[in-house]
Protein backbone atom coordinates (compact mmCIF):
# COMPACT_ATOMS: atom_id res chain seq x y z
CA MET A 1 -31.37 49.68 47.73
CA ARG A 2 -27.67 49.06 48.30
CA LEU A 3 -25.35 46.13 47.52
CA HIS A 4 -25.36 44.86 51.10
CA GLN A 5 -29.17 44.70 51.05
CA ILE A 6 -29.42 42.34 48.04
CA SER A 7 -30.30 38.71 48.88
CA PRO A 8 -31.46 35.76 46.77
CA ASP A 9 -35.11 34.77 46.53
CA LYS A 10 -36.26 32.54 49.43
CA LYS A 11 -37.36 29.81 46.98
CA ALA A 12 -33.94 29.76 45.34
CA LEU A 13 -32.19 28.60 48.52
CA LYS A 14 -32.29 24.92 49.41
CA ASN A 15 -31.06 23.49 52.71
CA ARG A 16 -28.02 21.23 52.63
CA LYS A 17 -28.71 17.51 53.21
CA ARG A 18 -27.29 16.77 56.71
CA ILE A 19 -26.29 13.11 56.72
CA GLY A 20 -25.72 10.97 59.84
CA ARG A 21 -27.62 13.19 62.30
CA GLY A 22 -29.94 10.64 63.93
CA PRO A 23 -33.06 8.67 62.94
CA GLY A 24 -35.35 11.71 63.00
CA SER A 25 -33.52 13.32 60.10
CA GLY A 26 -34.33 10.52 57.66
CA TYR A 27 -30.61 10.21 56.87
CA GLY A 28 -29.39 8.60 60.08
CA ARG A 29 -27.92 5.14 60.75
CA THR A 30 -26.72 4.08 57.24
CA SER A 31 -26.71 7.72 56.08
CA GLY A 32 -28.40 7.01 52.74
CA ARG A 33 -25.76 4.44 51.70
CA GLY A 34 -27.87 1.27 51.97
CA HIS A 35 -26.48 -1.74 53.86
CA LYS A 36 -22.91 -3.09 54.01
CA GLY A 37 -20.74 -3.62 50.95
CA GLN A 38 -17.85 -1.68 49.47
CA LYS A 39 -19.96 1.33 48.45
CA SER A 40 -21.18 1.88 52.00
CA ARG A 41 -17.64 2.37 53.36
CA SER A 42 -15.86 5.67 53.62
CA GLY A 43 -13.10 6.28 51.10
CA TYR A 44 -14.79 4.20 48.38
CA SER A 45 -14.07 5.25 44.81
CA ARG A 46 -14.76 3.09 41.78
CA LYS A 47 -11.65 2.48 39.68
CA TRP A 48 -11.97 2.87 35.92
CA GLY A 49 -12.70 -0.46 34.23
CA PHE A 50 -13.09 -2.37 37.52
CA GLU A 51 -15.58 -5.23 37.19
CA GLY A 52 -15.68 -6.60 40.73
CA GLY A 53 -12.52 -8.65 40.35
CA GLN A 54 -13.59 -10.23 37.04
CA MET A 55 -10.98 -9.80 34.28
CA PRO A 56 -11.91 -6.40 32.81
CA LEU A 57 -13.07 -6.06 29.21
CA TYR A 58 -10.07 -3.98 28.16
CA ARG A 59 -7.78 -6.85 29.27
CA ARG A 60 -9.90 -9.65 27.76
CA ILE A 61 -9.82 -8.26 24.21
CA PRO A 62 -6.69 -9.05 22.17
CA LYS A 63 -4.41 -6.15 21.33
CA ARG A 64 -3.53 -5.62 17.69
CA GLY A 65 -1.39 -3.31 15.60
CA PHE A 66 0.88 -0.42 16.33
CA LYS A 67 0.53 3.33 15.81
CA ASN A 68 3.76 5.24 15.47
CA THR A 69 2.38 8.54 16.75
CA LEU A 70 5.71 9.74 18.11
CA PHE A 71 7.57 9.69 14.79
CA SER A 72 4.68 9.71 12.31
CA LYS A 73 4.54 12.52 9.75
CA ASP A 74 1.29 14.08 8.58
CA TYR A 75 0.95 15.31 5.03
CA GLN A 76 -1.60 17.48 3.26
CA ILE A 77 -2.82 15.37 0.37
CA VAL A 78 -3.35 16.82 -3.10
CA ASN A 79 -4.59 14.71 -6.01
CA LEU A 80 -3.55 15.35 -9.61
CA LYS A 81 -7.14 16.14 -10.62
CA LYS A 82 -7.00 19.29 -8.44
CA ILE A 83 -3.74 20.41 -10.07
CA ASN A 84 -5.01 19.72 -13.60
CA GLY A 85 -7.28 22.79 -13.66
CA LEU A 86 -4.55 25.31 -12.71
CA GLU A 87 -3.15 27.75 -15.30
CA GLU A 88 0.38 27.97 -13.84
CA ASN A 89 3.11 25.68 -15.19
CA LEU A 90 5.19 25.82 -11.99
CA ILE A 91 3.27 24.54 -8.98
CA ASP A 92 4.58 24.65 -5.41
CA PRO A 93 2.98 24.76 -1.94
CA LYS A 94 2.69 28.59 -2.03
CA ILE A 95 0.58 28.48 -5.21
CA LEU A 96 -1.52 25.61 -3.80
CA LYS A 97 -2.16 27.73 -0.67
CA GLU A 98 -3.15 30.79 -2.76
CA LYS A 99 -5.63 28.67 -4.77
CA GLY A 100 -7.11 27.23 -1.55
CA ILE A 101 -6.11 23.63 -2.31
CA ILE A 102 -4.07 23.31 0.90
CA LYS A 103 -4.61 25.06 4.23
CA LYS A 104 -1.14 25.47 5.79
CA LEU A 105 2.37 26.02 4.49
CA SER A 106 3.84 24.56 7.69
CA VAL A 107 2.48 21.05 6.94
CA PRO A 108 4.26 19.12 4.14
CA VAL A 109 2.43 18.33 0.88
CA LYS A 110 2.10 14.92 -0.77
CA ILE A 111 0.88 14.50 -4.35
CA LEU A 112 -1.27 11.44 -5.10
CA SER A 113 -2.19 9.99 -8.48
CA GLU A 114 -5.99 10.32 -8.61
CA GLY A 115 -6.88 12.05 -11.86
CA GLU A 116 -5.01 12.74 -15.10
CA ILE A 117 -2.48 15.38 -16.18
CA LYS A 118 -3.11 17.01 -19.56
CA LYS A 119 -0.43 19.72 -19.41
CA PRO A 120 3.32 19.58 -18.69
CA TYR A 121 3.55 20.87 -15.10
CA GLU A 122 6.66 21.34 -12.99
CA ILE A 123 5.43 20.34 -9.53
CA HIS A 124 7.41 20.97 -6.35
CA ALA A 125 6.18 19.00 -3.30
CA HIS A 126 7.56 17.25 -0.23
CA LYS A 127 6.48 13.77 -1.39
CA PHE A 128 5.00 12.07 -4.45
CA SER A 129 3.37 8.68 -4.78
CA ARG A 130 5.11 6.45 -7.33
CA LYS A 131 2.12 6.50 -9.70
CA ALA A 132 1.74 10.29 -9.42
CA LYS A 133 5.40 10.74 -10.41
CA GLU A 134 4.90 8.42 -13.40
CA LYS A 135 1.79 10.30 -14.57
CA ILE A 136 3.46 13.72 -14.25
CA GLU A 137 6.52 12.58 -16.22
CA ALA A 138 4.32 10.80 -18.83
CA GLY A 139 2.52 14.13 -19.37
CA GLY A 140 5.85 15.84 -20.09
CA GLY A 141 6.26 17.50 -16.69
CA LYS A 142 8.68 17.26 -13.76
CA ALA A 143 8.10 16.02 -10.22
CA ILE A 144 10.61 17.69 -7.90
CA GLU A 145 10.82 16.76 -4.22
CA ILE A 146 11.38 19.58 -1.73
CA GLY A 147 13.51 18.74 1.30
CA GLY A 148 11.86 19.12 4.72
């Protein structure tokens, strides 16, 4: 057997439906499109959201809010309860990455106030919530913001 002798199984091949080839074919006259109407015409394509001229749903519902996706900044969030268990006194994004608390160094870190601080930590992060800053300073530590 050679490459030019290989052919698919006879049952695997199906004849193409030949539309508009007379009444004997079973697909003559209206060519399987039913009778009249927009869908029976050539060049028909349904537009997204079109409801036959009725005001479409996406235009009937009131629009609300605003999302500033162009200038929004994403932060990796770290709560104080995660920091509380660490042995180091100086905590920065590199240490948080080593401990597996954050995933990327390229994304800025924000410290939130959930949990308590029992040790005086010096924490370096890109942002702090107001309450987190208060809790860190109340525990005898420092909250230092990194630029960037």
